């Protein structure tokens, strides 16, 4: 099985696989982000964020991650 391409989350710097072009829906499609947050994300970041960061942002976390606690 080929290795999945890795992406780097622009918020936390962690590696992740973006599933936007996979045959199955990407897990991020199950998240609900309000229109204001979506706009702020488009203004602040280029590309996809990891699922961990998207969950955190949906829960009210700040746009800038504290990378000391995001990844070991």
N, C-alpha and C. Protein backbone atom coordinates (compact mmCIF):
# COMPACT_ATOMS: atom_id res chain seq x y z
N UNK A 1 0.85 -1.18 0.00
CA UNK A 1 0.00 0.00 0.00
C UNK A 1 0.88 1.24 0.00
N UNK A 2 0.60 2.20 -0.89
CA UNK A 2 1.44 3.40 -0.95
C UNK A 2 1.25 4.27 0.29
N UNK A 3 2.30 4.99 0.63
CA UNK A 3 2.24 5.91 1.76
C UNK A 3 1.38 7.11 1.39
N UNK A 4 0.51 7.50 2.30
CA UNK A 4 -0.34 8.67 2.06
C UNK A 4 0.51 9.93 2.14
N UNK A 5 0.24 10.89 1.27
CA UNK A 5 1.00 12.14 1.34
C UNK A 5 0.72 12.86 2.65
N UNK A 6 1.72 13.45 3.18
CA UNK A 6 1.59 14.19 4.43
C UNK A 6 1.49 15.68 4.14
N UNK A 7 0.69 16.33 4.91
CA UNK A 7 0.57 17.77 4.86
C UNK A 7 1.00 18.31 6.21
N UNK A 8 1.34 19.56 6.27
CA UNK A 8 1.72 20.21 7.51
C UNK A 8 0.63 21.22 7.86
N UNK A 9 0.04 21.07 9.03
CA UNK A 9 -1.02 21.98 9.47
C UNK A 9 -0.43 23.37 9.67
N UNK A 10 -0.99 24.38 9.02
CA UNK A 10 -0.45 25.73 9.18
C UNK A 10 -0.71 26.34 10.56
N UNK A 11 -1.58 25.72 11.34
CA UNK A 11 -1.88 26.25 12.69
C UNK A 11 -0.93 25.67 13.72
N UNK A 12 -0.78 24.34 13.75
CA UNK A 12 0.01 23.71 14.81
C UNK A 12 1.34 23.14 14.31
N UNK A 13 1.50 22.99 13.00
CA UNK A 13 2.74 22.45 12.45
C UNK A 13 2.78 20.94 12.40
N UNK A 14 1.71 20.28 12.84
CA UNK A 14 1.67 18.82 12.84
C UNK A 14 1.41 18.25 11.47
N UNK A 15 1.93 17.05 11.24
CA UNK A 15 1.72 16.36 9.97
C UNK A 15 0.35 15.69 10.00
N UNK A 16 -0.33 15.69 8.85
CA UNK A 16 -1.63 15.03 8.74
C UNK A 16 -1.90 14.70 7.29
N UNK A 17 -2.89 13.85 7.07
CA UNK A 17 -3.32 13.52 5.72
C UNK A 17 -4.62 14.25 5.43
N UNK A 18 -4.64 15.06 4.39
CA UNK A 18 -5.86 15.72 3.96
C UNK A 18 -6.63 14.75 3.07
N UNK A 19 -7.87 14.51 3.43
CA UNK A 19 -8.68 13.56 2.67
C UNK A 19 -9.59 14.20 1.65
N UNK A 20 -9.39 15.45 1.31
CA UNK A 20 -10.28 16.17 0.39
C UNK A 20 -10.37 15.50 -0.98
N UNK A 21 -9.32 14.84 -1.42
CA UNK A 21 -9.33 14.21 -2.75
C UNK A 21 -9.43 12.70 -2.68
N UNK A 22 -9.71 12.16 -1.51
CA UNK A 22 -9.87 10.72 -1.36
C UNK A 22 -11.23 10.28 -1.90
N UNK A 23 -11.38 8.99 -2.11
CA UNK A 23 -12.65 8.44 -2.59
C UNK A 23 -13.75 8.60 -1.53
N UNK A 24 -13.39 8.46 -0.28
CA UNK A 24 -14.33 8.63 0.83
C UNK A 24 -14.32 10.10 1.28
N UNK A 25 -15.41 10.58 1.87
CA UNK A 25 -15.41 11.96 2.36
C UNK A 25 -14.34 12.17 3.45
N UNK A 26 -13.73 13.31 3.42
CA UNK A 26 -12.73 13.67 4.43
C UNK A 26 -13.42 13.79 5.79
N UNK A 27 -12.78 13.36 6.87
CA UNK A 27 -13.39 13.48 8.20
C UNK A 27 -13.77 14.91 8.58
N UNK A 28 -13.12 15.89 8.00
CA UNK A 28 -13.44 17.28 8.36
C UNK A 28 -14.83 17.68 7.86
N UNK A 29 -15.39 16.94 6.90
CA UNK A 29 -16.72 17.29 6.42
C UNK A 29 -17.79 17.05 7.47
N UNK A 30 -17.46 16.31 8.52
CA UNK A 30 -18.40 16.07 9.61
C UNK A 30 -18.42 17.16 10.65
N UNK A 31 -17.52 18.13 10.52
CA UNK A 31 -17.46 19.26 11.47
C UNK A 31 -18.34 20.42 11.00
N UNK A 32 -18.90 21.12 11.94
CA UNK A 32 -19.67 22.32 11.62
C UNK A 32 -18.91 23.52 12.17
N UNK A 33 -18.50 24.39 11.26
CA UNK A 33 -17.82 25.63 11.63
C UNK A 33 -18.71 26.78 11.19
N UNK A 34 -18.98 27.72 12.10
CA UNK A 34 -19.87 28.82 11.71
C UNK A 34 -19.21 29.70 10.65
N UNK A 35 -20.04 30.47 9.96
CA UNK A 35 -19.58 31.28 8.83
C UNK A 35 -18.49 32.27 9.23
N UNK A 36 -18.60 32.86 10.42
CA UNK A 36 -17.59 33.83 10.87
C UNK A 36 -16.24 33.15 11.07
N UNK A 37 -16.24 31.96 11.66
CA UNK A 37 -14.98 31.23 11.86
C UNK A 37 -14.41 30.80 10.51
N UNK A 38 -15.23 30.33 9.61
CA UNK A 38 -14.75 29.95 8.28
C UNK A 38 -14.07 31.12 7.59
N UNK A 39 -14.65 32.29 7.70
CA UNK A 39 -14.07 33.48 7.09
C UNK A 39 -12.72 33.82 7.72
N UNK A 40 -12.65 33.77 9.05
CA UNK A 40 -11.38 34.05 9.74
C UNK A 40 -10.31 33.04 9.34
N UNK A 41 -10.69 31.78 9.16
CA UNK A 41 -9.73 30.75 8.74
C UNK A 41 -9.21 31.03 7.34
N UNK A 42 -10.10 31.42 6.44
CA UNK A 42 -9.68 31.73 5.06
C UNK A 42 -8.73 32.93 5.04
N UNK A 43 -8.96 33.90 5.91
CA UNK A 43 -8.11 35.09 5.96
C UNK A 43 -6.75 34.79 6.58
N UNK A 44 -6.70 33.86 7.50
CA UNK A 44 -5.48 33.60 8.28
C UNK A 44 -4.60 32.49 7.71
N UNK A 45 -5.21 31.45 7.12
CA UNK A 45 -4.45 30.26 6.69
C UNK A 45 -4.65 29.97 5.21
N UNK A 46 -3.65 29.31 4.63
CA UNK A 46 -3.73 28.80 3.27
C UNK A 46 -3.74 27.28 3.37
N UNK A 47 -4.69 26.65 2.75
CA UNK A 47 -4.75 25.19 2.76
C UNK A 47 -5.54 24.66 3.95
N UNK A 48 -5.49 23.35 4.09
CA UNK A 48 -6.26 22.64 5.11
C UNK A 48 -5.55 22.65 6.47
N UNK A 49 -6.35 22.55 7.51
CA UNK A 49 -5.84 22.38 8.86
C UNK A 49 -6.10 20.94 9.28
N UNK A 50 -5.34 20.45 10.24
CA UNK A 50 -5.53 19.09 10.73
C UNK A 50 -6.86 18.98 11.49
N UNK A 51 -7.35 17.76 11.59
CA UNK A 51 -8.62 17.52 12.25
C UNK A 51 -8.57 17.93 13.73
N UNK A 52 -7.42 17.72 14.37
CA UNK A 52 -7.24 18.13 15.77
C UNK A 52 -7.49 19.63 15.93
N UNK A 53 -6.87 20.43 15.06
CA UNK A 53 -7.03 21.89 15.14
C UNK A 53 -8.46 22.30 14.79
N UNK A 54 -9.05 21.67 13.79
CA UNK A 54 -10.42 22.02 13.42
C UNK A 54 -11.38 21.75 14.57
N UNK A 55 -11.19 20.62 15.26
CA UNK A 55 -12.04 20.33 16.43
C UNK A 55 -11.83 21.39 17.52
N UNK A 56 -10.57 21.75 17.75
CA UNK A 56 -10.27 22.75 18.78
C UNK A 56 -10.90 24.09 18.43
N UNK A 57 -10.77 24.50 17.17
CA UNK A 57 -11.34 25.78 16.74
C UNK A 57 -12.86 25.76 16.82
N UNK A 58 -13.47 24.66 16.45
CA UNK A 58 -14.93 24.53 16.54
C UNK A 58 -15.39 24.65 17.99
N UNK A 59 -14.51 24.26 18.93
CA UNK A 59 -14.82 24.35 20.35
C UNK A 59 -14.46 25.68 20.98
N UNK A 60 -13.96 26.63 20.18
CA UNK A 60 -13.70 27.96 20.70
C UNK A 60 -12.24 28.30 20.93
N UNK A 61 -11.32 27.44 20.52
CA UNK A 61 -9.89 27.71 20.70
C UNK A 61 -9.46 28.91 19.86
N UNK A 62 -8.35 29.51 20.25
CA UNK A 62 -7.79 30.65 19.52
C UNK A 62 -7.25 30.21 18.16
N UNK A 63 -7.21 31.13 17.20
CA UNK A 63 -6.68 30.80 15.87
C UNK A 63 -5.23 30.35 15.93
N UNK A 64 -4.44 30.96 16.79
CA UNK A 64 -3.03 30.58 16.91
C UNK A 64 -2.91 29.51 17.98
N UNK A 65 -2.32 28.39 17.61
CA UNK A 65 -2.17 27.26 18.52
C UNK A 65 -1.00 27.46 19.46
N UNK A 66 -1.14 26.92 20.65
CA UNK A 66 -0.02 26.81 21.57
C UNK A 66 0.64 25.48 21.23
N UNK A 67 1.65 25.51 20.36
CA UNK A 67 2.24 24.28 19.84
C UNK A 67 2.96 23.48 20.92
N UNK A 68 3.25 24.08 22.06
CA UNK A 68 3.90 23.31 23.13
C UNK A 68 2.96 22.24 23.65
N UNK A 69 1.64 22.48 23.64
CA UNK A 69 0.72 21.49 24.15
C UNK A 69 0.03 20.71 23.04
N UNK A 70 0.13 21.17 21.77
CA UNK A 70 -0.56 20.51 20.68
C UNK A 70 0.09 19.20 20.28
N UNK A 71 1.43 19.13 20.35
CA UNK A 71 2.16 17.94 19.93
C UNK A 71 3.26 17.63 20.93
N UNK A 72 3.45 16.36 21.21
CA UNK A 72 4.52 15.99 22.17
C UNK A 72 5.89 16.28 21.65
